[in-house]
Amino acid sequence: MDCNRNFDIFPHTSLVLLSFLKQKGCQNSELKRELNDLDEHLNLPTNHNYIESDDELQADGHSFSLSHRELLHEFQHQVQPQLPVNGEEAQAAREMAAELIRIADLLEQRVLSQAADSLTKKLCRSQEQFWARHLSDGVQALFCQVAGAKEFKKELVEMAFTFVLMKTVCEHVPEYLFRLYGTVVQYFLPNRSN
């Protein structure tokens, strides 16, 4: 994917983020289950089709908790107007996610682990309305530490580092996935107030 491409799919942040998380994979089985739940209930077209499922019982037989349902209901209202209308846009989102993974791979594992540990501690000690600020601070610190990041557009690097930092935190604390997903999607909405 061309690094200089206009950010015409930024309105599809939710789809790009979900594609990023799925393509990057999960080491933690609990996070993998959380990600599958998120994917099923957001009904985003990650594979050229829409998943039509409003069932409360998951494929693994577990029922979906009320707090997760409430969060998903809120997320669906946030992302619904942003859904791609065709397979071409879904493919563009997957390509964008692959490019973001390539950029995120610039991070040394040690640097990413330190940033994720620091962010996890801040998230544990703060109210959710401050999570976007903590996430942004963590991403800016990473940007300053990675020399190769400057060869890409700042917006791409910001998105890549945000996504990979979020994923790394969720590998350690899977129950943060739904809330951090919403925080990240809100953070990248046009006209955000940060």
C-alpha atoms as a PDB file:
ATOM      1  CA  MET A   1       0.000   0.000   0.000  1.00  0.00           C
ATOM      2  CA  ASP A   2       1.261   3.484  -0.842  1.00  0.00           C
ATOM      3  CA  CYS A   3       2.415   5.340   2.282  1.00  0.00           C
ATOM      4  CA  ASN A   4       1.411   8.643   0.709  1.00  0.00           C
ATOM      5  CA  ARG A   5      -2.163   7.562   0.095  1.00  0.00           C
ATOM      6  CA  ASN A   6      -4.736  10.013   1.389  1.00  0.00           C
ATOM      7  CA  PHE A   7      -6.468   8.940   4.541  1.00  0.00           C
ATOM      8  CA  ASP A   8      -9.795   8.422   2.827  1.00  0.00           C
ATOM      9  CA  ILE A   9     -10.492   5.346   4.952  1.00  0.00           C
ATOM     10  CA  PHE A  10      -9.915   7.064   8.284  1.00  0.00           C
ATOM     11  CA  PRO A  11     -13.676   7.269   8.651  1.00  0.00           C
ATOM     12  CA  HIS A  12     -13.460   3.461   8.762  1.00  0.00           C
ATOM     13  CA  THR A  13     -11.151   3.388  11.792  1.00  0.00           C
ATOM     14  CA  SER A  14     -13.220   0.703  13.462  1.00  0.00           C
ATOM     15  CA  LEU A  15     -12.837  -1.635  10.496  1.00  0.00           C
ATOM     16  CA  VAL A  16      -9.114  -0.880  10.111  1.00  0.00           C
ATOM     17  CA  LEU A  17      -8.531  -1.461  13.826  1.00  0.00           C
ATOM     18  CA  LEU A  18     -10.426  -4.759  13.793  1.00  0.00           C
ATOM     19  CA  SER A  19      -8.508  -5.869  10.686  1.00  0.00           C
ATOM     20  CA  PHE A  20      -5.232  -4.864  12.346  1.00  0.00           C
ATOM     21  CA  LEU A  21      -6.000  -6.866  15.475  1.00  0.00           C
ATOM     22  CA  LYS A  22      -7.070  -9.932  13.486  1.00  0.00           C
ATOM     23  CA  GLN A  23      -4.063  -9.817  11.133  1.00  0.00           C
ATOM     24  CA  LYS A  24      -1.598  -9.220  13.971  1.00  0.00           C
ATOM     25  CA  GLY A  25      -2.941 -12.241  15.845  1.00  0.00           C
ATOM     26  CA  CYS A  26      -3.207 -12.880  19.579  1.00  0.00           C
ATOM     27  CA  GLN A  27      -0.873 -14.773  21.868  1.00  0.00           C
ATOM     28  CA  ASN A  28      -3.339 -14.735  24.749  1.00  0.00           C
ATOM     29  CA  SER A  29      -6.257 -17.163  24.344  1.00  0.00           C
ATOM     30  CA  GLU A  30      -8.549 -14.976  26.465  1.00  0.00           C
ATOM     31  CA  LEU A  31      -7.795 -11.992  24.217  1.00  0.00           C
ATOM     32  CA  LYS A  32      -8.447 -14.157  21.157  1.00  0.00           C
ATOM     33  CA  ARG A  33     -11.895 -15.009  22.560  1.00  0.00           C
ATOM     34  CA  GLU A  34     -12.576 -11.338  23.388  1.00  0.00           C
ATOM     35  CA  LEU A  35     -11.532 -10.357  19.850  1.00  0.00           C
ATOM     36  CA  ASN A  36     -13.835 -12.979  18.331  1.00  0.00           C
ATOM     37  CA  ASP A  37     -16.703 -11.674  20.481  1.00  0.00           C
ATOM     38  CA  LEU A  38     -15.966  -8.123  19.384  1.00  0.00           C
ATOM     39  CA  ASP A  39     -15.769  -9.148  15.725  1.00  0.00           C
ATOM     40  CA  GLU A  40     -19.058 -11.047  15.849  1.00  0.00           C
ATOM     41  CA  HIS A  41     -20.995  -8.317  17.585  1.00  0.00           C
ATOM     42  CA  LEU A  42     -19.703  -5.303  15.686  1.00  0.00           C
ATOM     43  CA  ASN A  43     -20.877  -6.865  12.420  1.00  0.00           C
ATOM     44  CA  LEU A  44     -18.065  -5.237  10.466  1.00  0.00           C
ATOM     45  CA  PRO A  45     -17.395  -6.566   6.953  1.00  0.00           C
ATOM     46  CA  THR A  46     -13.876  -7.896   7.556  1.00  0.00           C
ATOM     47  CA  ASN A  47     -14.253 -10.739   5.052  1.00  0.00           C
ATOM     48  CA  HIS A  48     -16.354  -9.157   2.275  1.00  0.00           C
ATOM     49  CA  ASN A  49     -19.517 -10.112   4.087  1.00  0.00           C
ATOM     50  CA  TYR A  50     -21.599  -8.943   6.964  1.00  0.00           C
ATOM     51  CA  ILE A  51     -22.005 -11.213   9.934  1.00  0.00           C
ATOM     52  CA  GLU A  52     -25.676 -11.294  10.804  1.00  0.00           C
ATOM     53  CA  SER A  53     -25.868 -12.361  14.420  1.00  0.00           C
ATOM     54  CA  ASP A  54     -27.789 -10.761  17.226  1.00  0.00           C
ATOM     55  CA  ASP A  55     -27.846 -13.938  19.297  1.00  0.00           C
ATOM     56  CA  GLU A  56     -27.004 -13.586  22.942  1.00  0.00           C
ATOM     57  CA  LEU A  57     -25.431 -17.056  23.056  1.00  0.00           C
ATOM     58  CA  GLN A  58     -21.887 -17.205  21.679  1.00  0.00           C
ATOM     59  CA  ALA A  59     -20.653 -19.922  19.353  1.00  0.00           C
ATOM     60  CA  ASP A  60     -18.678 -21.383  22.259  1.00  0.00           C
ATOM     61  CA  GLY A  61     -21.873 -21.672  24.336  1.00  0.00           C
ATOM     62  CA  HIS A  62     -21.106 -18.808  26.702  1.00  0.00           C
ATOM     63  CA  SER A  63     -23.585 -16.026  27.117  1.00  0.00           C
ATOM     64  CA  PHE A  64     -22.487 -12.483  26.430  1.00  0.00           C
ATOM     65  CA  SER A  65     -22.282 -10.358  29.577  1.00  0.00           C
ATOM     66  CA  LEU A  66     -24.496  -7.321  30.000  1.00  0.00           C
ATOM     67  CA  SER A  67     -21.571  -4.913  30.235  1.00  0.00           C
ATOM     68  CA  HIS A  68     -20.109  -6.219  26.975  1.00  0.00           C
ATOM     69  CA  ARG A  69     -23.513  -5.979  25.296  1.00  0.00           C
ATOM     70  CA  GLU A  70     -23.901  -2.398  26.454  1.00  0.00           C
ATOM     71  CA  LEU A  71     -20.426  -1.511  25.216  1.00  0.00           C
ATOM     72  CA  LEU A  72     -21.055  -3.160  21.871  1.00  0.00           C
ATOM     73  CA  HIS A  73     -24.367  -1.376  21.476  1.00  0.00           C
ATOM     74  CA  GLU A  74     -22.537   1.906  22.010  1.00  0.00           C
ATOM     75  CA  PHE A  75     -19.723   0.907  19.605  1.00  0.00           C
ATOM     76  CA  GLN A  76     -22.176  -0.127  16.918  1.00  0.00           C
ATOM     77  CA  HIS A  77     -23.813   3.294  17.079  1.00  0.00           C
ATOM     78  CA  GLN A  78     -20.397   4.937  16.831  1.00  0.00           C
ATOM     79  CA  VAL A  79     -19.207   2.905  13.845  1.00  0.00           C
ATOM     80  CA  GLN A  80     -22.442   2.177  11.990  1.00  0.00           C
ATOM     81  CA  PRO A  81     -22.332   5.331   9.830  1.00  0.00           C
ATOM     82  CA  GLN A  82     -18.710   4.519   9.014  1.00  0.00           C
ATOM     83  CA  LEU A  83     -19.217   1.021   7.615  1.00  0.00           C
ATOM     84  CA  PRO A  84     -17.845   0.425   4.126  1.00  0.00           C
ATOM     85  CA  VAL A  85     -20.537  -0.169   1.583  1.00  0.00           C
ATOM     86  CA  ASN A  86     -18.651  -2.616  -0.592  1.00  0.00           C
ATOM     87  CA  GLY A  87     -15.932  -5.256  -0.671  1.00  0.00           C
ATOM     88  CA  GLU A  88     -13.461  -2.841  -2.238  1.00  0.00           C
ATOM     89  CA  GLU A  89     -13.542  -0.608   0.833  1.00  0.00           C
ATOM     90  CA  ALA A  90     -13.234  -3.646   3.129  1.00  0.00           C
ATOM     91  CA  GLN A  91     -10.188  -4.755   1.106  1.00  0.00           C
ATOM     92  CA  ALA A  92      -8.721  -1.228   1.381  1.00  0.00           C
ATOM     93  CA  ALA A  93      -9.144  -1.425   5.158  1.00  0.00           C
ATOM     94  CA  ARG A  94      -7.313  -4.777   5.248  1.00  0.00           C
ATOM     95  CA  GLU A  95      -4.503  -3.305   3.140  1.00  0.00           C
ATOM     96  CA  MET A  96      -4.308  -0.288   5.423  1.00  0.00           C
ATOM     97  CA  ALA A  97      -4.116  -2.625   8.436  1.00  0.00           C
ATOM     98  CA  ALA A  98      -1.271  -4.567   6.772  1.00  0.00           C
ATOM     99  CA  GLU A  99       0.631  -1.313   6.188  1.00  0.00           C
ATOM    100  CA  LEU A 100       0.079  -0.291   9.807  1.00  0.00           C
ATOM    101  CA  ILE A 101       1.434  -3.666  10.951  1.00  0.00           C
ATOM    102  CA  ARG A 102       4.556  -3.076   8.831  1.00  0.00           C
ATOM    103  CA  ILE A 103       5.069   0.289  10.536  1.00  0.00           C
ATOM    104  CA  ALA A 104       4.311  -1.123  13.988  1.00  0.00           C
ATOM    105  CA  ASP A 105       6.964  -3.780  13.409  1.00  0.00           C
ATOM    106  CA  LEU A 106       9.579  -0.973  13.549  1.00  0.00           C
ATOM    107  CA  LEU A 107       9.158  -1.008  17.313  1.00  0.00           C
ATOM    108  CA  GLU A 108      11.661  -3.037  19.241  1.00  0.00           C
ATOM    109  CA  GLN A 109       9.899  -5.537  21.483  1.00  0.00           C
ATOM    110  CA  ARG A 110      11.649  -4.157  24.570  1.00  0.00           C
ATOM    111  CA  VAL A 111      10.514  -0.587  23.837  1.00  0.00           C
ATOM    112  CA  LEU A 112       6.952  -1.709  23.132  1.00  0.00           C
ATOM    113  CA  SER A 113       6.834  -3.853  26.289  1.00  0.00           C
ATOM    114  CA  GLN A 114       8.007  -0.951  28.446  1.00  0.00           C
ATOM    115  CA  ALA A 115       5.456   1.405  26.881  1.00  0.00           C
ATOM    116  CA  ALA A 116       2.659  -1.154  27.287  1.00  0.00           C
ATOM    117  CA  ASP A 117       3.556  -1.826  30.921  1.00  0.00           C
ATOM    118  CA  SER A 118       3.586   1.891  31.674  1.00  0.00           C
ATOM    119  CA  LEU A 119       0.261   2.426  29.896  1.00  0.00           C
ATOM    120  CA  THR A 120      -1.337  -0.566  31.633  1.00  0.00           C
ATOM    121  CA  LYS A 121      -0.408   0.866  35.034  1.00  0.00           C
ATOM    122  CA  LYS A 122      -1.827   4.277  34.088  1.00  0.00           C
ATOM    123  CA  LEU A 123      -5.062   2.723  32.818  1.00  0.00           C
ATOM    124  CA  CYS A 124      -5.466   0.684  35.993  1.00  0.00           C
ATOM    125  CA  ARG A 125      -5.116   3.806  38.127  1.00  0.00           C
ATOM    126  CA  SER A 126      -7.280   6.179  36.106  1.00  0.00           C
ATOM    127  CA  GLN A 127     -10.857   6.675  35.069  1.00  0.00           C
ATOM    128  CA  GLU A 128     -11.798   5.666  31.552  1.00  0.00           C
ATOM    129  CA  GLN A 129     -12.355   9.246  30.353  1.00  0.00           C
ATOM    130  CA  PHE A 130      -8.569   9.789  30.722  1.00  0.00           C
ATOM    131  CA  TRP A 131      -7.559   6.717  28.738  1.00  0.00           C
ATOM    132  CA  ALA A 132      -7.278   8.555  25.410  1.00  0.00           C
ATOM    133  CA  ARG A 133      -4.841  11.051  26.954  1.00  0.00           C
ATOM    134  CA  HIS A 134      -2.709   8.254  28.435  1.00  0.00           C
ATOM    135  CA  LEU A 135      -2.767   6.367  25.132  1.00  0.00           C
ATOM    136  CA  SER A 136      -1.776   9.504  23.216  1.00  0.00           C
ATOM    137  CA  ASP A 137       1.097  10.210  25.622  1.00  0.00           C
ATOM    138  CA  GLY A 138       2.342   6.644  25.210  1.00  0.00           C
ATOM    139  CA  VAL A 139       2.191   6.849  21.416  1.00  0.00           C
ATOM    140  CA  GLN A 140       4.046  10.182  21.368  1.00  0.00           C
ATOM    141  CA  ALA A 141       6.781   8.708  23.583  1.00  0.00           C
ATOM    142  CA  LEU A 142       7.131   5.771  21.165  1.00  0.00           C
ATOM    143  CA  PHE A 143       7.269   8.127  18.186  1.00  0.00           C
ATOM    144  CA  CYS A 144      10.236   9.932  19.754  1.00  0.00           C
ATOM    145  CA  GLN A 145      12.077   6.640  20.410  1.00  0.00           C
ATOM    146  CA  VAL A 146      11.796   5.092  16.938  1.00  0.00           C
ATOM    147  CA  ALA A 147      14.101   6.753  14.411  1.00  0.00           C
ATOM    148  CA  GLY A 148      12.635   4.889  11.414  1.00  0.00           C
ATOM    149  CA  ALA A 149       9.159   6.212  12.155  1.00  0.00           C
ATOM    150  CA  LYS A 150       9.967   9.574  10.600  1.00  0.00           C
ATOM    151  CA  GLU A 151      10.132   8.081   7.110  1.00  0.00           C
ATOM    152  CA  PHE A 152       6.356   7.530   7.170  1.00  0.00           C
ATOM    153  CA  LYS A 153       3.506   9.996   7.384  1.00  0.00           C
ATOM    154  CA  LYS A 154       3.008  11.005  11.008  1.00  0.00           C
ATOM    155  CA  GLU A 155      -0.690  10.064  10.879  1.00  0.00           C
ATOM    156  CA  LEU A 156       0.128   6.515   9.747  1.00  0.00           C
ATOM    157  CA  VAL A 157       2.744   6.097  12.451  1.00  0.00           C
ATOM    158  CA  GLU A 158       0.378   7.482  15.076  1.00  0.00           C
ATOM    159  CA  MET A 159      -2.304   5.017  14.046  1.00  0.00           C
ATOM    160  CA  ALA A 160       0.106   2.064  13.827  1.00  0.00           C
ATOM    161  CA  PHE A 161       1.668   2.764  17.207  1.00  0.00           C
ATOM    162  CA  THR A 162      -1.731   3.358  18.812  1.00  0.00           C
ATOM    163  CA  PHE A 163      -3.073   0.066  17.478  1.00  0.00           C
ATOM    164  CA  VAL A 164      -0.025  -1.988  18.473  1.00  0.00           C
ATOM    165  CA  LEU A 165       0.192  -0.368  21.909  1.00  0.00           C
ATOM    166  CA  MET A 166      -3.495  -1.098  22.468  1.00  0.00           C
ATOM    167  CA  LYS A 167      -3.033  -4.702  21.345  1.00  0.00           C
ATOM    168  CA  THR A 168      -0.010  -5.196  23.599  1.00  0.00           C
ATOM    169  CA  VAL A 169      -1.874  -3.844  26.615  1.00  0.00           C
ATOM    170  CA  CYS A 170      -4.793  -6.153  25.808  1.00  0.00           C
ATOM    171  CA  GLU A 171      -2.441  -9.148  25.597  1.00  0.00           C
ATOM    172  CA  HIS A 172      -1.718  -8.482  29.279  1.00  0.00           C
ATOM    173  CA  VAL A 173      -5.230  -7.382  30.293  1.00  0.00           C
ATOM    174  CA  PRO A 174      -7.720  -8.887  27.782  1.00  0.00           C
ATOM    175  CA  GLU A 175     -10.740  -7.447  29.575  1.00  0.00           C
ATOM    176  CA  TYR A 176      -9.606  -3.972  28.423  1.00  0.00           C
ATOM    177  CA  LEU A 177     -10.243  -4.849  24.744  1.00  0.00           C
ATOM    178  CA  PHE A 178     -13.803  -3.555  24.475  1.00  0.00           C
ATOM    179  CA  ARG A 179     -13.154  -0.312  26.327  1.00  0.00           C
ATOM    180  CA  LEU A 180      -9.813   0.406  24.647  1.00  0.00           C
ATOM    181  CA  TYR A 181     -11.341  -0.408  21.266  1.00  0.00           C
ATOM    182  CA  GLY A 182     -13.973   2.265  21.883  1.00  0.00           C
ATOM    183  CA  THR A 183     -11.347   4.718  23.134  1.00  0.00           C
ATOM    184  CA  VAL A 184      -9.193   4.212  20.029  1.00  0.00           C
ATOM    185  CA  VAL A 185     -12.119   4.488  17.611  1.00  0.00           C
ATOM    186  CA  GLN A 186     -13.241   7.710  19.325  1.00  0.00           C
ATOM    187  CA  TYR A 187      -9.678   9.032  19.283  1.00  0.00           C
ATOM    188  CA  PHE A 188      -9.431   8.738  15.510  1.00  0.00           C
ATOM    189  CA  LEU A 189     -12.870  10.172  14.716  1.00  0.00           C
ATOM    190  CA  PRO A 190     -12.721  13.271  12.529  1.00  0.00           C
ATOM    191  CA  ASN A 191     -12.974  16.513  14.496  1.00  0.00           C
ATOM    192  CA  ARG A 192     -11.904  14.807  17.702  1.00  0.00           C
ATOM    193  CA  SER A 193     -11.206  17.099  20.603  1.00  0.00           C
ATOM    194  CA  ASN A 194      -7.866  15.978  22.094  1.00  0.00           C
END
